[in-house]
């Protein structure tokens, strides 16, 4: 019995305990001031890449959103790269280009077939002439002044890339969207803390910006992640990659568990490959910037999930030998905040484990489009003045 209890405590510390230590350490860092040069007068030429594939339902909203940006139009280039859409996406983009020739430089690149997002972005990258290259998914929307708040962080010569915070437009749709919002708030805090320590490894496709001079391509190690996978190259070249708290962008999130799990498994599959590459480069001594953050995340994302699996097994054994454990667990789950936290963490552990299995047996080049497009309503965007 003593050995069983010892193992249970050890696995609890290696899973939930490790997460707790990570949260406390990173939260303290998030409360500290920035140690970089932020220049509000920094206005480089930027290239915005928007990858599309059958986005006819929402591309009109995206076009209106980009048109509202307050960044100087003569310092902006917009490139749509389409993976051979079969709906109205291409026609809507062409109409926008025809009507805005005098306002902002806009290009449309049409691939002959769908090869995946990273391939599409790399096709567009060859046509970018901006000092800063920014990626934005078609279903993500920026406040009009967001670039003016975010770009000054790239004035620091040590900063090679920045990303932003995701905000959910349909927050009140279901328990799924509410729980995802709570998860995003915690993750944003951790990413801010990591950024102030050195760098964060987690970037968002809704807003990711890179200095053109330091990236040769997106996802250089073919991890399947165009955002986090590209950060690897940034850190490898000894630049910082940070999350800018003011760079908030808005999108919708599926309101069913099945769709949420699909998204999480996809992301987990990509991250396992990303962390595998970090582990390899770290072993070779090729990661200098953010070495501590990389090591910390390897423990959290690769060690903790397997410790959680062992914790679950020892918990079942304890319940069989000591039924009082079931009563204690029941009382813990009776507290709403504790229940929600334990459930969300446990779900993410299980998803990472599933992603590990998937990453061994299969690599996904592209995925089916999430079924969240119909959830995006014009009134949501108007309410937040996004269009």
Protein backbone atom coordinates (compact mmCIF):
# COMPACT_ATOMS: atom_id res chain seq x y z
CA UNK A 1 0.00 0.00 0.00
CA UNK A 2 2.84 2.39 0.87
CA UNK A 3 4.43 1.86 -2.54
CA UNK A 4 1.09 2.51 -4.27
CA UNK A 5 0.57 5.78 -2.36
CA UNK A 6 4.17 6.81 -3.08
CA UNK A 7 3.68 6.18 -6.80
CA UNK A 8 0.38 8.09 -6.78
CA UNK A 9 2.01 11.13 -5.13
CA UNK A 10 4.97 10.98 -7.53
CA UNK A 11 2.77 10.81 -10.63
CA UNK A 12 0.54 13.58 -9.27
CA UNK A 13 3.58 15.82 -8.83
CA UNK A 14 4.92 14.98 -12.29
CA UNK A 15 1.58 15.82 -13.93
CA UNK A 16 -0.53 18.37 -12.05
CA UNK A 17 2.35 19.46 -9.82
CA UNK A 18 4.52 20.24 -12.83
CA UNK A 19 1.71 22.29 -14.35
CA UNK A 20 1.24 24.18 -11.09
CA UNK A 21 4.92 25.05 -10.81
CA UNK A 22 4.96 26.16 -14.43
CA UNK A 23 1.95 28.41 -13.85
CA UNK A 24 3.36 30.05 -10.70
CA UNK A 25 6.80 30.62 -12.23
CA UNK A 26 5.49 32.00 -15.52
CA UNK A 27 2.78 34.15 -13.91
CA UNK A 28 5.42 35.91 -11.82
CA UNK A 29 7.35 36.67 -14.99
CA UNK A 30 4.19 38.01 -16.67
CA UNK A 31 3.88 40.63 -13.92
CA UNK A 32 7.34 42.01 -14.68
CA UNK A 33 7.94 44.93 -17.13
CA UNK A 34 9.17 44.30 -20.68
CA UNK A 35 12.94 44.20 -21.22
CA UNK A 36 12.77 45.19 -24.89
CA UNK A 37 12.70 48.43 -26.87
CA UNK A 38 9.11 49.30 -27.89
CA UNK A 39 9.07 52.15 -30.42
CA UNK A 40 5.61 53.58 -31.17
CA UNK A 41 7.03 55.44 -34.18
CA UNK A 42 8.28 52.24 -35.84
CA UNK A 43 6.30 51.89 -39.11
CA UNK A 44 7.99 49.39 -41.46
CA UNK A 45 6.47 48.19 -44.71
CA UNK A 46 4.39 45.08 -44.02
CA UNK A 47 3.08 42.20 -46.13
CA UNK A 48 -0.11 40.50 -44.94
CA UNK A 49 -0.70 36.96 -46.21
CA UNK A 50 -4.22 35.51 -46.05
CA UNK A 51 -4.44 31.81 -47.03
CA UNK A 52 -7.86 30.71 -48.31
CA UNK A 53 -9.68 27.57 -49.37
CA UNK A 54 -13.44 27.62 -49.95
CA UNK A 55 -14.00 30.60 -47.62
CA UNK A 56 -16.88 32.05 -49.65
CA UNK A 57 -19.08 32.32 -46.55
CA UNK A 58 -16.71 34.60 -44.68
CA UNK A 59 -14.10 36.07 -47.05
CA UNK A 60 -16.26 39.16 -47.56
CA UNK A 61 -16.04 39.87 -43.83
CA UNK A 62 -12.27 39.37 -43.91
CA UNK A 63 -11.93 41.83 -46.78
CA UNK A 64 -13.96 44.45 -44.91
CA UNK A 65 -11.85 43.86 -41.81
CA UNK A 66 -8.58 44.40 -43.67
CA UNK A 67 -10.00 47.55 -45.28
CA UNK A 68 -10.56 49.10 -41.83
CA UNK A 69 -6.94 48.79 -40.70
CA UNK A 70 -5.45 52.12 -39.63
CA UNK A 71 -1.91 51.22 -40.67
CA UNK A 72 -0.61 53.50 -43.48
CA UNK A 73 -1.90 52.06 -46.77
CA UNK A 74 1.28 53.00 -48.67
CA UNK A 75 3.25 50.85 -46.21
CA UNK A 76 1.02 47.82 -46.61
CA UNK A 77 0.81 44.90 -49.05
CA UNK A 78 -1.95 42.26 -48.95
CA UNK A 79 -1.49 38.87 -50.57
CA UNK A 80 -4.31 36.34 -50.79
CA UNK A 81 -3.08 32.83 -51.59
CA UNK A 82 -5.88 30.48 -52.58
CA UNK A 83 -5.59 26.68 -52.73
CA UNK A 84 -7.83 26.33 -55.80
CA UNK A 85 -11.20 27.08 -54.16
CA UNK A 86 -14.32 25.74 -55.85
CA UNK A 87 -16.76 28.28 -54.37
CA UNK A 88 -17.03 32.08 -54.68
CA UNK A 89 -13.84 32.87 -52.73
CA UNK A 90 -11.67 33.72 -55.74
CA UNK A 91 -14.31 35.90 -57.40
CA UNK A 92 -14.87 37.91 -54.20
CA UNK A 93 -11.14 38.54 -53.84
CA UNK A 94 -10.81 39.57 -57.48
CA UNK A 95 -13.68 42.04 -57.07
CA UNK A 96 -11.97 43.53 -54.02
CA UNK A 97 -8.69 43.92 -55.92
CA UNK A 98 -10.41 45.58 -58.89
CA UNK A 99 -12.16 48.09 -56.62
CA UNK A 100 -9.11 48.96 -54.48
CA UNK A 101 -6.24 49.30 -56.94
CA UNK A 102 -5.54 52.88 -55.86
CA UNK A 103 -5.81 52.25 -52.09
CA UNK A 104 -3.54 49.35 -51.15
CA UNK A 105 -1.33 46.98 -53.11
CA UNK A 106 -3.15 43.64 -53.27
CA UNK A 107 -2.26 40.39 -55.02
CA UNK A 108 -4.01 37.07 -55.55
CA UNK A 109 -2.06 33.85 -55.99
CA UNK A 110 -4.04 30.77 -57.05
CA UNK A 111 -2.43 27.36 -56.59
CA UNK A 112 -3.19 24.67 -59.15
CA UNK A 113 -4.04 22.22 -56.35
CA UNK A 114 -4.33 22.08 -52.58
CA UNK A 115 -0.97 21.22 -51.03
CA UNK A 116 -1.44 22.38 -47.45
CA UNK A 117 -1.25 25.69 -45.64
CA UNK A 118 2.53 25.86 -45.24
CA UNK A 119 3.04 25.28 -48.97
CA UNK A 120 0.52 28.01 -49.75
CA UNK A 121 2.25 30.46 -47.41
CA UNK A 122 5.63 29.71 -48.94
CA UNK A 123 4.21 30.44 -52.39
CA UNK A 124 3.03 33.83 -51.13
CA UNK A 125 6.29 34.54 -49.29
CA UNK A 126 8.16 34.76 -52.60
CA UNK A 127 5.96 37.75 -53.53
CA UNK A 128 6.30 39.65 -50.24
CA UNK A 129 8.25 42.92 -50.30
CA UNK A 130 7.60 44.04 -46.72
CA UNK A 131 10.14 44.13 -43.90
CA UNK A 132 7.53 42.35 -41.78
CA UNK A 133 5.49 39.39 -43.03
CA UNK A 134 2.19 38.81 -41.23
CA UNK A 135 -0.05 35.74 -41.41
CA UNK A 136 -3.77 35.93 -40.75
CA UNK A 137 -6.33 33.16 -41.22
CA UNK A 138 -9.47 34.06 -43.16
CA UNK A 139 -11.72 33.50 -40.13
CA UNK A 140 -9.76 35.80 -37.81
CA UNK A 141 -10.44 39.52 -37.44
CA UNK A 142 -8.27 42.35 -36.13
CA UNK A 143 -9.34 45.58 -34.39
CA UNK A 144 -8.53 48.49 -36.71
CA UNK A 145 -5.70 49.78 -34.47
CA UNK A 146 -4.19 46.39 -33.67
CA UNK A 147 -1.19 46.70 -35.99
CA UNK A 148 -0.35 50.10 -34.55
CA UNK A 149 -0.18 48.48 -31.11
CA UNK A 150 1.67 45.32 -32.14
CA UNK A 151 4.29 46.37 -34.71
CA UNK A 152 6.23 48.68 -32.29
CA UNK A 153 7.34 45.54 -30.40
CA UNK A 154 9.31 44.51 -33.49
CA UNK A 155 11.46 47.64 -33.32
CA UNK A 156 13.76 45.81 -30.93
CA UNK A 157 16.61 44.23 -32.95
CA UNK A 158 16.48 41.08 -30.81
CA UNK A 159 12.79 40.41 -31.53
CA UNK A 160 12.32 38.33 -34.66
CA UNK A 161 8.64 37.45 -34.43
CA UNK A 162 5.45 38.34 -32.56
CA UNK A 163 2.02 36.80 -32.16
CA UNK A 164 -1.25 37.79 -30.51
CA UNK A 165 -4.06 36.67 -28.23
CA UNK A 166 -7.12 34.82 -29.51
CA UNK A 167 -10.53 36.05 -28.38
CA UNK A 168 -13.79 34.13 -28.95
CA UNK A 169 -16.70 35.99 -30.55
CA UNK A 170 -19.37 33.36 -29.75
CA UNK A 171 -18.32 33.06 -26.11
CA UNK A 172 -21.85 32.45 -24.76
CA UNK A 173 -22.83 29.74 -27.26
CA UNK A 174 -22.14 26.72 -25.05
CA UNK A 175 -20.13 25.29 -22.19
CA UNK A 176 -17.53 24.28 -24.79
CA UNK A 177 -16.88 27.87 -25.88
CA UNK A 178 -16.82 29.09 -22.28
CA UNK A 179 -14.32 26.44 -21.22
CA UNK A 180 -12.15 27.20 -24.24
CA UNK A 181 -12.18 30.89 -23.31
CA UNK A 182 -11.00 30.05 -19.78
CA UNK A 183 -8.24 27.90 -21.26
CA UNK A 184 -7.16 30.70 -23.63
CA UNK A 185 -6.95 33.19 -20.76
CA UNK A 186 -4.55 30.92 -18.87
CA UNK A 187 -2.49 30.20 -21.99
CA UNK A 188 -2.24 33.92 -22.82
CA UNK A 189 -0.88 34.60 -19.34
CA UNK A 190 1.70 31.83 -19.72
CA UNK A 191 2.76 33.02 -23.18
CA UNK A 192 3.18 36.57 -21.92
CA UNK A 193 5.33 35.32 -19.06
CA UNK A 194 7.47 33.20 -21.38
CA UNK A 195 7.85 36.18 -23.71
CA UNK A 196 9.16 38.36 -20.89
CA UNK A 197 11.56 35.63 -19.79
CA UNK A 198 12.83 35.17 -23.33
CA UNK A 199 10.47 33.68 -25.93
CA UNK A 200 7.24 31.77 -26.30
CA UNK A 201 7.05 28.69 -28.51
CA UNK A 202 3.33 29.10 -29.19
CA UNK A 203 2.10 31.29 -32.03
CA UNK A 204 -1.41 31.76 -33.44
CA UNK A 205 -2.43 31.58 -37.09
CA UNK A 206 -4.84 34.46 -36.55
CA UNK A 207 -1.92 36.87 -36.13
CA UNK A 208 1.74 35.93 -36.48
CA UNK A 209 4.37 38.39 -37.70
CA UNK A 210 7.95 37.63 -38.73
CA UNK A 211 10.88 39.79 -39.82
CA UNK A 212 11.36 38.93 -43.48
CA UNK A 213 15.13 38.94 -43.24
CA UNK A 214 15.29 36.01 -40.81
CA UNK A 215 12.84 33.53 -42.36
CA UNK A 216 13.64 31.60 -45.52
CA UNK A 217 10.33 29.73 -45.47
CA UNK A 218 7.44 28.82 -43.21
CA UNK A 219 7.69 25.60 -41.19
CA UNK A 220 11.31 24.88 -42.22
CA UNK A 221 11.34 21.49 -40.49
CA UNK A 222 8.08 20.29 -42.03
CA UNK A 223 6.27 19.84 -38.70
CA UNK A 224 2.85 20.61 -40.16
CA UNK A 225 2.59 23.79 -38.06
CA UNK A 226 3.07 26.98 -40.10
CA UNK A 227 3.07 29.17 -36.97
CA UNK A 228 4.82 27.30 -34.15
CA UNK A 229 6.94 25.41 -36.66
CA UNK A 230 8.30 28.68 -38.05
CA UNK A 231 9.20 29.90 -34.56
CA UNK A 232 11.77 27.09 -34.37
CA UNK A 233 13.83 28.80 -37.06
CA UNK A 234 13.51 32.17 -35.31
CA UNK A 235 14.93 30.82 -32.05
CA UNK A 236 17.58 28.83 -33.88
CA UNK A 237 18.87 32.10 -35.38
CA UNK A 238 19.08 33.58 -31.86
CA UNK A 239 16.08 35.93 -32.13
CA UNK A 240 13.21 36.23 -29.67
CA UNK A 241 9.62 35.25 -30.44
CA UNK A 242 7.09 36.98 -28.19
CA UNK A 243 3.37 37.29 -27.59
CA UNK A 244 2.08 40.88 -27.57
CA UNK A 245 -0.82 41.23 -25.08
CA UNK A 246 -2.34 44.18 -26.97
CA UNK A 247 -2.48 42.20 -30.22
CA UNK A 248 -5.94 40.71 -29.74
CA UNK A 249 -7.74 39.10 -32.66
CA UNK A 250 -11.24 37.64 -32.78
CA UNK A 251 -12.69 34.43 -34.18
CA UNK A 252 -15.44 31.91 -33.53
CA UNK A 253 -14.99 28.51 -31.90
CA UNK A 254 -17.04 25.31 -32.39
CA UNK A 255 -19.69 24.75 -29.75
CA UNK A 256 -19.64 20.94 -29.71
CA UNK A 257 -17.20 18.63 -27.95
CA UNK A 258 -16.58 16.57 -31.08
CA UNK A 259 -15.40 19.60 -33.08
CA UNK A 260 -13.31 20.86 -30.17
CA UNK A 261 -11.54 17.51 -29.85
CA UNK A 262 -10.82 17.47 -33.61
CA UNK A 263 -9.16 20.88 -33.38
CA UNK A 264 -7.19 19.93 -30.28
CA UNK A 265 -5.97 16.64 -31.77
CA UNK A 266 -4.87 18.46 -34.93
CA UNK A 267 -2.99 21.05 -32.91
CA UNK A 268 -1.54 18.40 -30.63
CA UNK A 269 -0.32 16.38 -33.60
CA UNK A 270 1.53 19.44 -34.88
CA UNK A 271 2.97 20.35 -31.47
CA UNK A 272 4.35 16.86 -30.86
CA UNK A 273 6.36 17.20 -34.07
CA UNK A 274 7.42 20.73 -33.09
CA UNK A 275 8.63 19.59 -29.66
CA UNK A 276 10.38 16.60 -31.19
CA UNK A 277 12.39 19.00 -33.34
CA UNK A 278 13.13 21.25 -30.34
CA UNK A 279 14.40 18.24 -28.36
CA UNK A 280 16.69 17.28 -31.24
CA UNK A 281 18.07 20.81 -31.70
CA UNK A 282 18.47 21.26 -27.95
CA UNK A 283 20.51 18.07 -27.75
CA UNK A 284 22.77 19.38 -30.54
CA UNK A 285 23.21 22.70 -28.74
CA UNK A 286 21.58 24.66 -31.57
CA UNK A 287 18.99 26.40 -29.39
CA UNK A 288 20.48 29.32 -27.49
CA UNK A 289 17.64 31.85 -27.13
CA UNK A 290 14.83 30.52 -24.95
CA UNK A 291 16.65 27.35 -23.91
CA UNK A 292 15.00 27.37 -20.47
CA UNK A 293 11.53 27.95 -21.93
CA UNK A 294 12.06 25.12 -24.43
CA UNK A 295 13.17 22.71 -21.68
CA UNK A 296 10.22 23.67 -19.48
CA UNK A 297 7.71 23.06 -22.26
CA UNK A 298 9.28 19.73 -23.18
CA UNK A 299 8.66 18.59 -19.61
CA UNK A 300 5.10 19.93 -19.54
CA UNK A 301 4.02 18.61 -22.93
CA UNK A 302 6.01 15.39 -23.23
CA UNK A 303 6.54 14.17 -19.65
CA UNK A 304 3.42 15.37 -17.83
CA UNK A 305 0.83 13.61 -20.11
CA UNK A 306 2.48 10.21 -19.57
CA UNK A 307 2.71 10.91 -15.83
CA UNK A 308 -1.03 11.69 -15.95
CA UNK A 309 -1.71 8.31 -17.58
CA UNK A 310 0.19 6.60 -14.77
CA UNK A 311 -1.66 8.76 -12.23
CA UNK A 312 -5.01 7.59 -13.63
CA UNK A 313 -3.94 3.95 -13.33
CA UNK A 314 -2.70 4.31 -9.73
CA UNK A 315 -5.86 6.26 -8.81
CA UNK A 316 -8.01 3.34 -9.96
CA UNK A 317 -5.88 0.96 -7.89
CA UNK A 318 -6.21 3.23 -4.85
CA UNK A 319 -9.99 3.42 -5.22
CA UNK A 320 -10.20 -0.38 -5.32
CA UNK A 321 -8.11 -0.68 -2.15
CA UNK A 322 -9.37 2.48 -0.37
CA UNK A 323 -12.96 3.47 -1.32
CA UNK A 324 -12.55 6.68 0.71
CA UNK A 325 -10.47 8.00 -2.19
CA UNK A 326 -13.61 7.98 -4.34
CA UNK A 327 -15.40 10.13 -1.76
CA UNK A 328 -12.51 12.63 -1.72
CA UNK A 329 -12.51 12.85 -5.51
CA UNK A 330 -16.28 13.32 -5.54
CA UNK A 331 -15.99 16.23 -3.09
CA UNK A 332 -13.28 17.83 -5.23
CA UNK A 333 -15.39 17.56 -8.37
CA UNK A 334 -18.35 19.09 -6.52
CA UNK A 335 -16.51 22.45 -6.57
CA UNK A 336 -17.34 23.99 -10.00
CA UNK A 337 -14.03 25.79 -10.62
CA UNK A 338 -11.98 22.80 -9.48
CA UNK A 339 -14.09 20.46 -11.62
CA UNK A 340 -13.75 22.65 -14.70
CA UNK A 341 -9.99 23.02 -14.24
CA UNK A 342 -9.37 19.31 -13.65
CA UNK A 343 -11.58 18.37 -16.58
CA UNK A 344 -9.90 20.79 -19.00
CA UNK A 345 -6.39 19.76 -17.94
CA UNK A 346 -7.26 16.06 -18.09
CA UNK A 347 -8.82 16.48 -21.53
CA UNK A 348 -5.71 18.21 -22.83
CA UNK A 349 -3.47 15.50 -21.39
CA UNK A 350 -5.52 12.81 -23.14
CA UNK A 351 -5.53 14.75 -26.41
CA UNK A 352 -1.73 15.10 -26.29
CA UNK A 353 -1.43 11.34 -25.74
CA UNK A 354 -3.70 10.73 -28.74
CA UNK A 355 -1.63 13.19 -30.76
CA UNK A 356 1.55 11.28 -29.86
CA UNK A 357 0.05 8.08 -31.28
CA UNK A 358 -1.13 9.91 -34.40
CA UNK A 359 2.24 11.57 -34.93
CA UNK A 360 3.90 8.15 -34.94
CA UNK A 361 1.58 6.56 -37.45
CA UNK A 362 0.43 9.46 -39.59
CA UNK A 363 1.32 13.01 -40.58
CA UNK A 364 -1.49 15.31 -41.70
CA UNK A 365 -0.70 17.74 -44.52
CA UNK A 366 -4.13 19.34 -44.42
CA UNK A 367 -7.33 18.79 -42.51
CA UNK A 368 -11.04 19.08 -43.15
CA UNK A 369 -12.31 22.60 -42.60
CA UNK A 370 -13.78 23.15 -39.10
CA UNK A 371 -17.55 23.39 -39.01
CA UNK A 372 -17.51 26.78 -37.31
CA UNK A 373 -17.91 29.07 -40.33
CA UNK A 374 -21.75 29.28 -40.06
CA UNK A 375 -21.33 30.39 -36.43
CA UNK A 376 -19.80 33.67 -37.60
CA UNK A 377 -22.50 36.33 -37.80
CA UNK A 378 -22.23 39.83 -39.21
CA UNK A 379 -23.71 41.35 -36.04
CA UNK A 380 -20.85 39.88 -33.97
CA UNK A 381 -18.31 41.73 -36.09
CA UNK A 382 -20.33 44.94 -36.19
CA UNK A 383 -20.75 44.91 -32.43
CA UNK A 384 -16.97 44.91 -31.95
CA UNK A 385 -16.42 47.33 -34.87
CA UNK A 386 -14.38 44.74 -36.76
CA UNK A 387 -16.08 45.52 -40.09
